[in-house]
C-alpha atoms as a PDB file:
ATOM      1  CA  UNK A   1    -113.681  52.588  59.793  1.00  0.00           C
ATOM      2  CA  UNK A   2    -111.096  53.221  62.465  1.00  0.00           C
ATOM      3  CA  UNK A   3    -112.206  53.000  66.057  1.00  0.00           C
ATOM      4  CA  UNK A   4    -114.952  50.562  65.138  1.00  0.00           C
ATOM      5  CA  UNK A   5    -115.902  48.223  67.973  1.00  0.00           C
ATOM      6  CA  UNK A   6    -118.795  45.786  68.313  1.00  0.00           C
ATOM      7  CA  UNK A   7    -121.127  46.780  71.114  1.00  0.00           C
ATOM      8  CA  UNK A   8    -121.283  43.753  73.441  1.00  0.00           C
ATOM      9  CA  UNK A   9    -123.783  45.148  75.938  1.00  0.00           C
ATOM     10  CA  UNK A  10    -126.794  43.399  74.412  1.00  0.00           C
ATOM     11  CA  UNK A  11    -124.959  40.225  73.390  1.00  0.00           C
ATOM     12  CA  UNK A  12    -125.680  36.797  74.842  1.00  0.00           C
ATOM     13  CA  UNK A  13    -123.024  35.539  77.274  1.00  0.00           C
ATOM     14  CA  UNK A  14    -122.111  32.697  74.892  1.00  0.00           C
ATOM     15  CA  UNK A  15    -120.845  35.065  72.170  1.00  0.00           C
ATOM     16  CA  UNK A  16    -118.973  37.519  74.414  1.00  0.00           C
ATOM     17  CA  UNK A  17    -115.581  35.777  73.948  1.00  0.00           C
ATOM     18  CA  UNK A  18    -116.066  35.917  70.162  1.00  0.00           C
ATOM     19  CA  UNK A  19    -117.044  39.613  70.274  1.00  0.00           C
ATOM     20  CA  UNK A  20    -114.066  40.338  72.532  1.00  0.00           C
ATOM     21  CA  UNK A  21    -111.731  38.595  70.077  1.00  0.00           C
ATOM     22  CA  UNK A  22    -113.160  40.573  67.151  1.00  0.00           C
ATOM     23  CA  UNK A  23    -112.817  43.850  69.068  1.00  0.00           C
ATOM     24  CA  UNK A  24    -109.187  43.006  69.931  1.00  0.00           C
ATOM     25  CA  UNK A  25    -108.522  42.299  66.247  1.00  0.00           C
ATOM     26  CA  UNK A  26    -110.079  45.636  65.260  1.00  0.00           C
ATOM     27  CA  UNK A  27    -107.871  47.431  67.788  1.00  0.00           C
ATOM     28  CA  UNK A  28    -104.770  45.711  66.381  1.00  0.00           C
ATOM     29  CA  UNK A  29    -105.780  46.700  62.830  1.00  0.00           C
ATOM     30  CA  UNK A  30    -106.184  50.320  63.967  1.00  0.00           C
ATOM     31  CA  UNK A  31    -102.741  50.188  65.576  1.00  0.00           C
ATOM     32  CA  UNK A  32    -101.164  48.668  62.442  1.00  0.00           C
ATOM     33  CA  UNK A  33    -102.720  51.339  60.227  1.00  0.00           C
ATOM     34  CA  UNK A  34    -101.371  54.081  62.517  1.00  0.00           C
ATOM     35  CA  UNK A  35     -97.905  52.490  62.428  1.00  0.00           C
ATOM     36  CA  UNK A  36     -97.993  52.395  58.612  1.00  0.00           C
ATOM     37  CA  UNK A  37     -98.920  56.077  58.485  1.00  0.00           C
ATOM     38  CA  UNK A  38     -96.196  56.921  60.995  1.00  0.00           C
ATOM     39  CA  UNK A  39     -93.681  55.005  58.883  1.00  0.00           C
ATOM     40  CA  UNK A  40     -94.754  56.863  55.747  1.00  0.00           C
ATOM     41  CA  UNK A  41     -94.466  60.223  57.496  1.00  0.00           C
ATOM     42  CA  UNK A  42     -91.005  59.341  58.847  1.00  0.00           C
ATOM     43  CA  UNK A  43     -89.781  58.229  55.419  1.00  0.00           C
ATOM     44  CA  UNK A  44     -91.152  61.418  53.910  1.00  0.00           C
ATOM     45  CA  UNK A  45     -89.362  63.563  56.445  1.00  0.00           C
ATOM     46  CA  UNK A  46     -86.065  61.701  56.331  1.00  0.00           C
ATOM     47  CA  UNK A  47     -85.737  61.110  52.572  1.00  0.00           C
ATOM     48  CA  UNK A  48     -87.734  63.627  50.532  1.00  0.00           C
ATOM     49  CA  UNK A  49     -85.978  66.800  51.589  1.00  0.00           C
ATOM     50  CA  UNK A  50     -82.428  65.461  51.048  1.00  0.00           C
ATOM     51  CA  UNK A  51     -83.446  64.208  47.609  1.00  0.00           C
ATOM     52  CA  UNK A  52     -84.842  67.624  46.736  1.00  0.00           C
ATOM     53  CA  UNK A  53     -81.654  69.313  47.959  1.00  0.00           C
ATOM     54  CA  UNK A  54     -79.508  66.915  45.904  1.00  0.00           C
ATOM     55  CA  UNK A  55     -81.614  67.583  42.818  1.00  0.00           C
ATOM     56  CA  UNK A  56     -81.263  71.352  43.199  1.00  0.00           C
ATOM     57  CA  UNK A  57     -77.518  71.075  43.797  1.00  0.00           C
ATOM     58  CA  UNK A  58     -77.154  68.883  40.728  1.00  0.00           C
ATOM     59  CA  UNK A  59     -78.975  71.503  38.668  1.00  0.00           C
ATOM     60  CA  UNK A  60     -76.013  73.848  39.244  1.00  0.00           C
ATOM     61  CA  UNK A  61     -73.220  71.408  38.354  1.00  0.00           C
ATOM     62  CA  UNK A  62     -70.954  71.503  35.302  1.00  0.00           C
ATOM     63  CA  UNK A  63     -69.948  67.825  35.206  1.00  0.00           C
ATOM     64  CA  UNK A  64     -71.193  66.066  32.041  1.00  0.00           C
ATOM     65  CA  UNK A  65     -72.468  63.168  34.177  1.00  0.00           C
ATOM     66  CA  UNK A  66     -74.770  65.532  36.052  1.00  0.00           C
ATOM     67  CA  UNK A  67     -77.650  64.817  33.655  1.00  0.00           C
ATOM     68  CA  UNK A  68     -77.434  61.114  34.479  1.00  0.00           C
ATOM     69  CA  UNK A  69     -77.348  61.851  38.216  1.00  0.00           C
ATOM     70  CA  UNK A  70     -80.210  64.298  37.875  1.00  0.00           C
ATOM     71  CA  UNK A  71     -82.329  61.661  36.128  1.00  0.00           C
ATOM     72  CA  UNK A  72     -81.491  59.126  38.845  1.00  0.00           C
ATOM     73  CA  UNK A  73     -82.450  61.524  41.633  1.00  0.00           C
ATOM     74  CA  UNK A  74     -85.727  62.302  39.856  1.00  0.00           C
ATOM     75  CA  UNK A  75     -86.412  58.600  39.449  1.00  0.00           C
ATOM     76  CA  UNK A  76     -85.612  57.956  43.117  1.00  0.00           C
ATOM     77  CA  UNK A  77     -87.866  60.806  44.204  1.00  0.00           C
ATOM     78  CA  UNK A  78     -90.760  59.432  42.164  1.00  0.00           C
ATOM     79  CA  UNK A  79     -90.159  55.981  43.624  1.00  0.00           C
ATOM     80  CA  UNK A  80     -90.197  57.330  47.184  1.00  0.00           C
ATOM     81  CA  UNK A  81     -93.441  59.210  46.471  1.00  0.00           C
ATOM     82  CA  UNK A  82     -95.013  56.068  45.033  1.00  0.00           C
ATOM     83  CA  UNK A  83     -93.860  53.975  47.990  1.00  0.00           C
ATOM     84  CA  UNK A  84     -95.309  56.470  50.427  1.00  0.00           C
ATOM     85  CA  UNK A  85     -98.610  56.667  48.596  1.00  0.00           C
ATOM     86  CA  UNK A  86     -98.806  52.872  48.384  1.00  0.00           C
ATOM     87  CA  UNK A  87     -98.192  52.596  52.125  1.00  0.00           C
ATOM     88  CA  UNK A  88    -100.891  55.182  52.812  1.00  0.00           C
ATOM     89  CA  UNK A  89    -103.375  53.495  50.484  1.00  0.00           C
ATOM     90  CA  UNK A  90    -102.731  50.123  52.125  1.00  0.00           C
ATOM     91  CA  UNK A  91    -103.156  51.585  55.600  1.00  0.00           C
ATOM     92  CA  UNK A  92    -106.348  53.337  54.520  1.00  0.00           C
ATOM     93  CA  UNK A  93    -107.709  50.110  52.988  1.00  0.00           C
ATOM     94  CA  UNK A  94    -106.899  48.091  56.125  1.00  0.00           C
ATOM     95  CA  UNK A  95    -108.621  50.541  58.447  1.00  0.00           C
ATOM     96  CA  UNK A  96    -110.249  53.532  56.730  1.00  0.00           C
ATOM     97  CA  UNK A  97    -109.814  56.784  58.570  1.00  0.00           C
ATOM     98  CA  UNK A  98    -112.403  59.517  58.375  1.00  0.00           C
ATOM     99  CA  UNK A  99    -111.413  62.705  56.605  1.00  0.00           C
ATOM    100  CA  UNK A 100    -110.298  65.452  58.950  1.00  0.00           C
ATOM    101  CA  UNK A 101    -110.700  69.173  58.423  1.00  0.00           C
ATOM    102  CA  UNK A 102    -107.445  71.063  57.825  1.00  0.00           C
ATOM    103  CA  UNK A 103    -107.030  74.831  57.309  1.00  0.00           C
ATOM    104  CA  UNK A 104    -105.681  75.471  53.821  1.00  0.00           C
ATOM    105  CA  UNK A 105    -103.321  78.156  55.142  1.00  0.00           C
ATOM    106  CA  UNK A 106    -101.652  75.585  57.401  1.00  0.00           C
ATOM    107  CA  UNK A 107    -101.142  73.114  54.545  1.00  0.00           C
ATOM    108  CA  UNK A 108     -99.701  75.785  52.255  1.00  0.00           C
ATOM    109  CA  UNK A 109     -97.512  77.431  54.912  1.00  0.00           C
ATOM    110  CA  UNK A 110     -96.029  74.074  55.906  1.00  0.00           C
ATOM    111  CA  UNK A 111     -95.130  73.107  52.336  1.00  0.00           C
ATOM    112  CA  UNK A 112     -93.874  76.612  51.479  1.00  0.00           C
ATOM    113  CA  UNK A 113     -91.640  76.821  54.552  1.00  0.00           C
ATOM    114  CA  UNK A 114     -90.079  73.438  53.734  1.00  0.00           C
ATOM    115  CA  UNK A 115     -89.230  74.544  50.192  1.00  0.00           C
ATOM    116  CA  UNK A 116     -88.031  78.082  51.011  1.00  0.00           C
ATOM    117  CA  UNK A 117     -84.438  76.967  51.822  1.00  0.00           C
ATOM    118  CA  UNK A 118     -84.336  74.933  48.609  1.00  0.00           C
ATOM    119  CA  UNK A 119     -85.498  77.950  46.638  1.00  0.00           C
ATOM    120  CA  UNK A 120     -82.842  80.190  48.188  1.00  0.00           C
ATOM    121  CA  UNK A 121     -80.149  77.595  47.451  1.00  0.00           C
ATOM    122  CA  UNK A 122     -81.310  77.558  43.821  1.00  0.00           C
ATOM    123  CA  UNK A 123     -81.364  81.399  43.562  1.00  0.00           C
ATOM    124  CA  UNK A 124     -85.154  81.478  43.439  1.00  0.00           C
ATOM    125  CA  UNK A 125     -87.829  82.835  45.764  1.00  0.00           C
ATOM    126  CA  UNK A 126     -91.021  81.367  47.172  1.00  0.00           C
ATOM    127  CA  UNK A 127     -93.887  83.732  47.979  1.00  0.00           C
ATOM    128  CA  UNK A 128     -97.036  82.924  49.938  1.00  0.00           C
ATOM    129  CA  UNK A 129    -100.489  84.376  49.282  1.00  0.00           C
ATOM    130  CA  UNK A 130    -102.668  83.870  52.318  1.00  0.00           C
ATOM    131  CA  UNK A 131    -106.318  82.919  52.038  1.00  0.00           C
ATOM    132  CA  UNK A 132    -109.150  83.560  54.451  1.00  0.00           C
ATOM    133  CA  UNK A 133    -108.265  82.168  57.889  1.00  0.00           C
ATOM    134  CA  UNK A 134    -111.448  80.133  58.180  1.00  0.00           C
ATOM    135  CA  UNK A 135    -111.078  78.208  54.903  1.00  0.00           C
ATOM    136  CA  UNK A 136    -110.571  74.520  55.667  1.00  0.00           C
ATOM    137  CA  UNK A 137    -111.027  71.348  53.690  1.00  0.00           C
ATOM    138  CA  UNK A 138    -111.873  67.789  54.740  1.00  0.00           C
ATOM    139  CA  UNK A 139    -108.987  65.713  53.408  1.00  0.00           C
ATOM    140  CA  UNK A 140    -106.173  63.306  54.113  1.00  0.00           C
ATOM    141  CA  UNK A 141    -103.496  65.817  55.062  1.00  0.00           C
ATOM    142  CA  UNK A 142    -100.514  63.794  53.812  1.00  0.00           C
ATOM    143  CA  UNK A 143    -102.101  63.203  50.384  1.00  0.00           C
ATOM    144  CA  UNK A 144    -102.685  66.934  49.874  1.00  0.00           C
ATOM    145  CA  UNK A 145     -99.202  67.740  51.216  1.00  0.00           C
ATOM    146  CA  UNK A 146     -97.674  65.206  48.817  1.00  0.00           C
ATOM    147  CA  UNK A 147     -99.438  66.721  45.806  1.00  0.00           C
ATOM    148  CA  UNK A 148     -98.395  70.222  46.883  1.00  0.00           C
ATOM    149  CA  UNK A 149     -94.762  69.144  47.342  1.00  0.00           C
ATOM    150  CA  UNK A 150     -94.755  67.676  43.831  1.00  0.00           C
ATOM    151  CA  UNK A 151     -96.079  70.930  42.402  1.00  0.00           C
ATOM    152  CA  UNK A 152     -93.520  72.991  44.334  1.00  0.00           C
ATOM    153  CA  UNK A 153     -90.676  70.718  43.268  1.00  0.00           C
ATOM    154  CA  UNK A 154     -91.668  71.037  39.610  1.00  0.00           C
ATOM    155  CA  UNK A 155     -92.166  74.806  39.888  1.00  0.00           C
ATOM    156  CA  UNK A 156     -88.739  75.353  41.463  1.00  0.00           C
ATOM    157  CA  UNK A 157     -87.042  73.309  38.750  1.00  0.00           C
ATOM    158  CA  UNK A 158     -88.590  75.200  35.837  1.00  0.00           C
ATOM    159  CA  UNK A 159     -88.541  78.724  37.288  1.00  0.00           C
ATOM    160  CA  UNK A 160     -85.470  80.588  36.046  1.00  0.00           C
ATOM    161  CA  UNK A 161     -82.832  81.864  38.497  1.00  0.00           C
ATOM    162  CA  UNK A 162     -84.047  84.987  40.275  1.00  0.00           C
ATOM    163  CA  UNK A 163     -87.653  83.980  39.600  1.00  0.00           C
ATOM    164  CA  UNK A 164     -90.439  83.545  42.109  1.00  0.00           C
ATOM    165  CA  UNK A 165     -92.795  80.654  42.769  1.00  0.00           C
ATOM    166  CA  UNK A 166     -96.068  81.848  44.299  1.00  0.00           C
ATOM    167  CA  UNK A 167     -98.010  79.456  46.504  1.00  0.00           C
ATOM    168  CA  UNK A 168    -101.380  80.256  47.983  1.00  0.00           C
ATOM    169  CA  UNK A 169    -104.960  79.319  48.447  1.00  0.00           C
ATOM    170  CA  UNK A 170    -108.308  80.607  47.334  1.00  0.00           C
ATOM    171  CA  UNK A 171    -110.671  81.620  46.118  1.00  0.00           C
ATOM    172  CA  UNK A 172    -112.635  79.143  48.144  1.00  0.00           C
ATOM    173  CA  UNK A 173    -111.207  75.697  48.806  1.00  0.00           C
ATOM    174  CA  UNK A 174    -108.345  75.822  46.314  1.00  0.00           C
ATOM    175  CA  UNK A 175    -104.569  75.673  46.495  1.00  0.00           C
ATOM    176  CA  UNK A 176    -102.409  77.024  43.680  1.00  0.00           C
ATOM    177  CA  UNK A 177     -98.757  77.101  42.639  1.00  0.00           C
ATOM    178  CA  UNK A 178     -97.653  79.654  40.019  1.00  0.00           C
ATOM    179  CA  UNK A 179     -94.186  79.557  38.522  1.00  0.00           C
ATOM    180  CA  UNK A 180     -92.277  81.650  36.008  1.00  0.00           C
ATOM    181  CA  UNK A 181     -91.333  78.735  33.762  1.00  0.00           C
ATOM    182  CA  UNK A 182     -91.876  78.677  30.015  1.00  0.00           C
ATOM    183  CA  UNK A 183     -95.223  76.888  30.271  1.00  0.00           C
ATOM    184  CA  UNK A 184     -96.578  74.329  27.872  1.00  0.00           C
ATOM    185  CA  UNK A 185     -97.215  74.891  24.173  1.00  0.00           C
ATOM    186  CA  UNK A 186    -100.915  75.617  23.492  1.00  0.00           C
ATOM    187  CA  UNK A 187    -101.436  72.234  21.792  1.00  0.00           C
ATOM    188  CA  UNK A 188    -100.408  70.448  25.017  1.00  0.00           C
END
């Protein structure tokens, strides 16, 4: 657990240097975990959006090699997502952080606003359906944001031009993404 420290107030004098060393180590582990999370967030910000923009631009190309490029961008995007999740899992394992409460509206608005320019560039729209202001969920914010970005990315790719992707929350502690794509066959 992050912030964990051994209480040395009732310790014998002989073990105080040992307790101090352990507490210093725990502080360094906390700091390392925070640096890993900061790195993951920076990579997400700096790489994910340009990859999504490239993918949407490639969707409108006429070059026969576009399908190869599109597959490469999709592969790179998946790799970046996996790298980020691995970094987060490692940081969480090194120094587990408690879940924090986040309003669902904030999570959905943030993801929707990041994808709105991509939708416009792809001749699609993104709509937001607000949920009750007091609905919050205890979660790891970046994990939920990552899942929501994946859903939005998929929805924008399969929604036809002029179509709308609807993102919202509710009822209760739920987030949804609705697209106007063809859907899956009933047997799948």
